[in-house]
């Protein structure tokens, strides 16, 4: 009986050793890291009671806007632009889309009954404009162009603006004279159009100061 038990145990060990090893579980691909970089969202916004509903340009979908900006910058800017129930606004909001929510951290532009604008191309990083006198500035690509009412356009070579905290700055000395551009992250309302922008602009050209609003492209 003992020899039979020994023989059975020996066969079991041999069989166990001969059995093929279970295949290793395949390595699963690492899920991509979530991109939490705020980006500009272009579209239309309407207020319904306490809710802000945003619909991207040329897109029938919509999301709810959550104001996560410092000091309610987004909400205050919309109020400056005349936000009211059922009134349609064209807006550009810097934020992150999370499911059915756009978490807006900055207001770039808000205009009642405005039309969709194309995102800036490689020749537009910043736009700015002002009144009394009328002027407009475009910066990006390879040049900064300043146009003033009743005067020829002036250009300077473009380089990326220096960013320090809430200020973006550019300066250059060229054939057109010395240009100093200072954009400050602060709500700015255009008195002629009623549009509200996320930046104020101060342009100094050879001692002449021009003031207005600026926005990113």
Protein backbone atom coordinates (compact mmCIF):
# COMPACT_ATOMS: atom_id res chain seq x y z
CA UNK A 1 0.00 0.00 0.00
CA UNK A 2 2.86 2.33 0.87
CA UNK A 3 4.54 1.68 -2.50
CA UNK A 4 1.29 2.48 -4.32
CA UNK A 5 0.93 5.79 -2.44
CA UNK A 6 4.56 6.61 -3.21
CA UNK A 7 4.06 5.82 -6.89
CA UNK A 8 0.93 8.03 -7.02
CA UNK A 9 2.72 10.97 -5.39
CA UNK A 10 5.66 10.58 -7.76
CA UNK A 11 3.39 10.59 -10.81
CA UNK A 12 1.61 13.70 -9.52
CA UNK A 13 4.90 15.59 -9.10
CA UNK A 14 6.09 14.57 -12.57
CA UNK A 15 2.78 15.58 -14.13
CA UNK A 16 2.86 18.93 -12.35
CA UNK A 17 6.39 19.56 -13.58
CA UNK A 18 5.43 18.61 -17.15
CA UNK A 19 2.37 20.88 -17.28
CA UNK A 20 3.02 24.01 -19.36
CA UNK A 21 3.29 27.26 -17.43
CA UNK A 22 0.33 29.62 -17.69
CA UNK A 23 0.99 32.37 -20.21
CA UNK A 24 1.96 35.72 -18.71
CA UNK A 25 -0.67 38.41 -18.87
CA UNK A 26 0.06 40.81 -21.75
CA UNK A 27 1.33 44.26 -20.85
CA UNK A 28 -1.55 46.69 -21.14
CA UNK A 29 -0.81 49.99 -22.91
CA UNK A 30 -0.28 52.92 -20.60
CA UNK A 31 -3.26 55.26 -20.86
CA UNK A 32 -2.33 58.66 -22.26
CA UNK A 33 -1.78 61.38 -19.69
CA UNK A 34 -4.68 63.76 -19.33
CA UNK A 35 -4.01 67.11 -20.97
CA UNK A 36 -5.11 69.85 -18.57
CA UNK A 37 -3.67 72.70 -20.61
CA UNK A 38 -6.32 75.47 -20.89
CA UNK A 39 -7.20 76.28 -24.49
CA UNK A 40 -9.30 78.95 -26.15
CA UNK A 41 -12.86 77.88 -26.88
CA UNK A 42 -14.70 79.86 -29.56
CA UNK A 43 -18.49 79.88 -29.66
CA UNK A 44 -21.80 81.21 -28.42
CA UNK A 45 -23.05 81.57 -24.87
CA UNK A 46 -26.49 82.10 -23.40
CA UNK A 47 -27.72 82.39 -19.84
CA UNK A 48 -30.71 80.37 -18.62
CA UNK A 49 -31.48 81.20 -15.01
CA UNK A 50 -28.31 80.40 -13.11
CA UNK A 51 -26.80 78.31 -15.92
CA UNK A 52 -24.39 79.41 -18.64
CA UNK A 53 -24.65 77.28 -21.78
CA UNK A 54 -21.84 77.30 -24.37
CA UNK A 55 -22.01 75.96 -27.94
CA UNK A 56 -18.81 75.86 -30.07
CA UNK A 57 -18.77 77.60 -33.45
CA UNK A 58 -20.22 75.43 -36.24
CA UNK A 59 -21.03 72.64 -33.76
CA UNK A 60 -24.54 71.71 -32.54
CA UNK A 61 -23.24 70.33 -29.23
CA UNK A 62 -23.24 72.31 -26.02
CA UNK A 63 -21.74 72.26 -22.54
CA UNK A 64 -22.36 74.06 -19.29
CA UNK A 65 -19.84 76.71 -18.27
CA UNK A 66 -18.34 76.70 -14.80
CA UNK A 67 -16.52 79.88 -13.81
CA UNK A 68 -13.27 78.83 -12.12
CA UNK A 69 -11.47 82.11 -12.81
CA UNK A 70 -9.68 84.10 -10.15
CA UNK A 71 -11.86 86.83 -8.66
CA UNK A 72 -14.75 85.79 -10.96
CA UNK A 73 -13.02 87.38 -13.94
CA UNK A 74 -15.16 85.45 -16.42
CA UNK A 75 -18.46 86.23 -14.73
CA UNK A 76 -17.61 89.89 -14.20
CA UNK A 77 -16.57 90.27 -17.82
CA UNK A 78 -19.83 88.77 -19.06
CA UNK A 79 -21.77 91.10 -16.78
CA UNK A 80 -19.80 94.07 -18.16
CA UNK A 81 -20.80 92.97 -21.66
CA UNK A 82 -24.49 92.99 -20.67
CA UNK A 83 -25.19 89.34 -19.93
CA UNK A 84 -28.92 88.68 -19.45
CA UNK A 85 -31.27 85.70 -19.67
CA UNK A 86 -31.78 84.56 -23.25
CA UNK A 87 -29.31 87.05 -24.77
CA UNK A 88 -26.81 85.50 -27.17
CA UNK A 89 -23.11 86.32 -26.92
CA UNK A 90 -20.10 85.42 -28.99
CA UNK A 91 -17.37 84.51 -26.51
CA UNK A 92 -13.80 83.27 -26.38
CA UNK A 93 -13.07 81.49 -23.13
CA UNK A 94 -9.79 79.99 -21.97
CA UNK A 95 -10.53 76.75 -20.19
CA UNK A 96 -10.64 72.97 -20.02
CA UNK A 97 -13.52 70.78 -21.21
CA UNK A 98 -14.37 68.07 -18.70
CA UNK A 99 -17.25 65.91 -19.90
CA UNK A 100 -20.26 68.18 -20.26
CA UNK A 101 -18.59 71.10 -18.48
CA UNK A 102 -16.29 73.84 -19.73
CA UNK A 103 -14.25 75.05 -16.78
CA UNK A 104 -13.47 78.62 -17.82
CA UNK A 105 -10.41 80.21 -16.21
CA UNK A 106 -10.18 83.39 -18.33
CA UNK A 107 -12.36 85.57 -20.53
CA UNK A 108 -10.64 86.56 -23.76
CA UNK A 109 -13.56 88.26 -25.53
CA UNK A 110 -17.33 88.69 -25.11
CA UNK A 111 -19.62 90.50 -27.55
CA UNK A 112 -23.41 90.55 -27.58
CA UNK A 113 -24.87 89.20 -30.85
CA UNK A 114 -21.37 88.83 -32.30
CA UNK A 115 -20.35 86.46 -35.07
CA UNK A 116 -17.92 83.58 -34.91
CA UNK A 117 -14.33 84.60 -35.51
CA UNK A 118 -11.65 82.29 -36.79
CA UNK A 119 -8.90 81.32 -34.35
CA UNK A 120 -5.71 83.25 -34.91
CA UNK A 121 -3.29 81.86 -37.47
CA UNK A 122 0.49 81.89 -37.38
CA UNK A 123 0.50 85.62 -38.15
CA UNK A 124 -1.67 86.55 -35.17
CA UNK A 125 -0.64 86.06 -31.57
CA UNK A 126 -2.20 89.28 -30.24
CA UNK A 127 -4.66 91.89 -31.43
CA UNK A 128 -5.34 95.26 -29.81
CA UNK A 129 -7.33 98.36 -30.63
CA UNK A 130 -8.44 101.67 -29.20
CA UNK A 131 -10.45 104.79 -29.89
CA UNK A 132 -9.92 108.56 -29.86
CA UNK A 133 -7.82 108.36 -31.94
CA UNK A 134 -8.66 105.06 -33.65
CA UNK A 135 -5.76 102.62 -33.78
CA UNK A 136 -5.19 98.88 -34.20
CA UNK A 137 -2.22 96.62 -33.57
CA UNK A 138 -1.57 93.06 -34.78
CA UNK A 139 1.38 91.03 -33.51
CA UNK A 140 2.53 87.61 -34.73
CA UNK A 141 4.35 85.80 -37.50
CA UNK A 142 7.29 88.00 -38.41
CA UNK A 143 5.99 91.49 -37.64
CA UNK A 144 4.13 93.85 -35.36
CA UNK A 145 1.91 96.25 -37.31
CA UNK A 146 0.45 99.44 -35.90
CA UNK A 147 -2.22 101.35 -37.80
CA UNK A 148 -3.43 104.77 -36.72
CA UNK A 149 -6.20 106.87 -38.13
CA UNK A 150 -4.86 109.22 -40.79
CA UNK A 151 -1.33 107.75 -40.73
CA UNK A 152 0.48 105.05 -42.74
CA UNK A 153 0.90 101.61 -41.19
CA UNK A 154 4.14 101.06 -39.27
CA UNK A 155 5.89 97.73 -38.71
CA UNK A 156 8.53 96.24 -36.43
CA UNK A 157 10.04 92.72 -36.35
CA UNK A 158 7.97 90.41 -34.15
CA UNK A 159 9.26 88.32 -31.30
CA UNK A 160 7.36 86.57 -28.54
CA UNK A 161 6.15 88.97 -25.89
CA UNK A 162 7.86 88.80 -22.50
CA UNK A 163 5.42 87.52 -19.88
CA UNK A 164 5.83 88.53 -16.25
CA UNK A 165 2.88 87.69 -14.06
CA UNK A 166 -0.17 89.57 -15.36
CA UNK A 167 1.78 91.61 -17.93
CA UNK A 168 2.87 90.84 -21.51
CA UNK A 169 5.46 93.26 -22.89
CA UNK A 170 7.16 94.01 -26.20
CA UNK A 171 9.57 96.78 -27.19
CA UNK A 172 11.69 97.51 -30.25
CA UNK A 173 13.69 100.33 -31.76
CA UNK A 174 13.46 100.54 -35.54
CA UNK A 175 13.21 102.87 -38.52
CA UNK A 176 9.62 103.65 -37.50
CA UNK A 177 10.79 104.77 -34.05
CA UNK A 178 10.68 103.13 -30.64
CA UNK A 179 7.59 101.08 -29.85
CA UNK A 180 6.65 99.90 -26.37
CA UNK A 181 3.64 97.60 -25.98
CA UNK A 182 2.25 96.66 -22.59
CA UNK A 183 -0.75 94.34 -22.17
CA UNK A 184 -2.10 93.83 -18.65
CA UNK A 185 -4.49 91.03 -17.74
CA UNK A 186 -7.44 93.16 -16.72
CA UNK A 187 -11.00 93.40 -18.05
CA UNK A 188 -11.37 96.10 -20.70
CA UNK A 189 -14.60 97.32 -22.31
CA UNK A 190 -14.70 98.92 -25.76
CA UNK A 191 -17.05 101.89 -25.46
CA UNK A 192 -17.94 101.85 -29.16
CA UNK A 193 -18.89 98.18 -29.61
CA UNK A 194 -19.64 97.15 -26.02
CA UNK A 195 -17.24 94.21 -26.39
CA UNK A 196 -15.30 93.16 -23.30
CA UNK A 197 -11.75 91.85 -23.57
CA UNK A 198 -9.43 90.11 -21.14
CA UNK A 199 -6.52 92.56 -21.42
CA UNK A 200 -5.92 96.30 -21.33
CA UNK A 201 -3.41 97.76 -23.79
CA UNK A 202 -1.00 100.68 -23.51
CA UNK A 203 1.07 101.54 -26.60
CA UNK A 204 3.87 104.07 -26.44
CA UNK A 205 5.23 105.32 -29.78
CA UNK A 206 7.98 107.90 -29.50
CA UNK A 207 6.34 109.52 -26.51
CA UNK A 208 2.73 109.27 -27.78
CA UNK A 209 0.54 106.99 -25.66
CA UNK A 210 -2.36 105.01 -27.10
CA UNK A 211 -4.75 103.14 -24.80
CA UNK A 212 -7.30 100.45 -25.51
CA UNK A 213 -8.05 96.72 -25.19
CA UNK A 214 -6.18 93.58 -26.25
CA UNK A 215 -6.95 89.90 -26.69
CA UNK A 216 -5.06 86.73 -27.52
CA UNK A 217 -5.35 84.84 -30.80
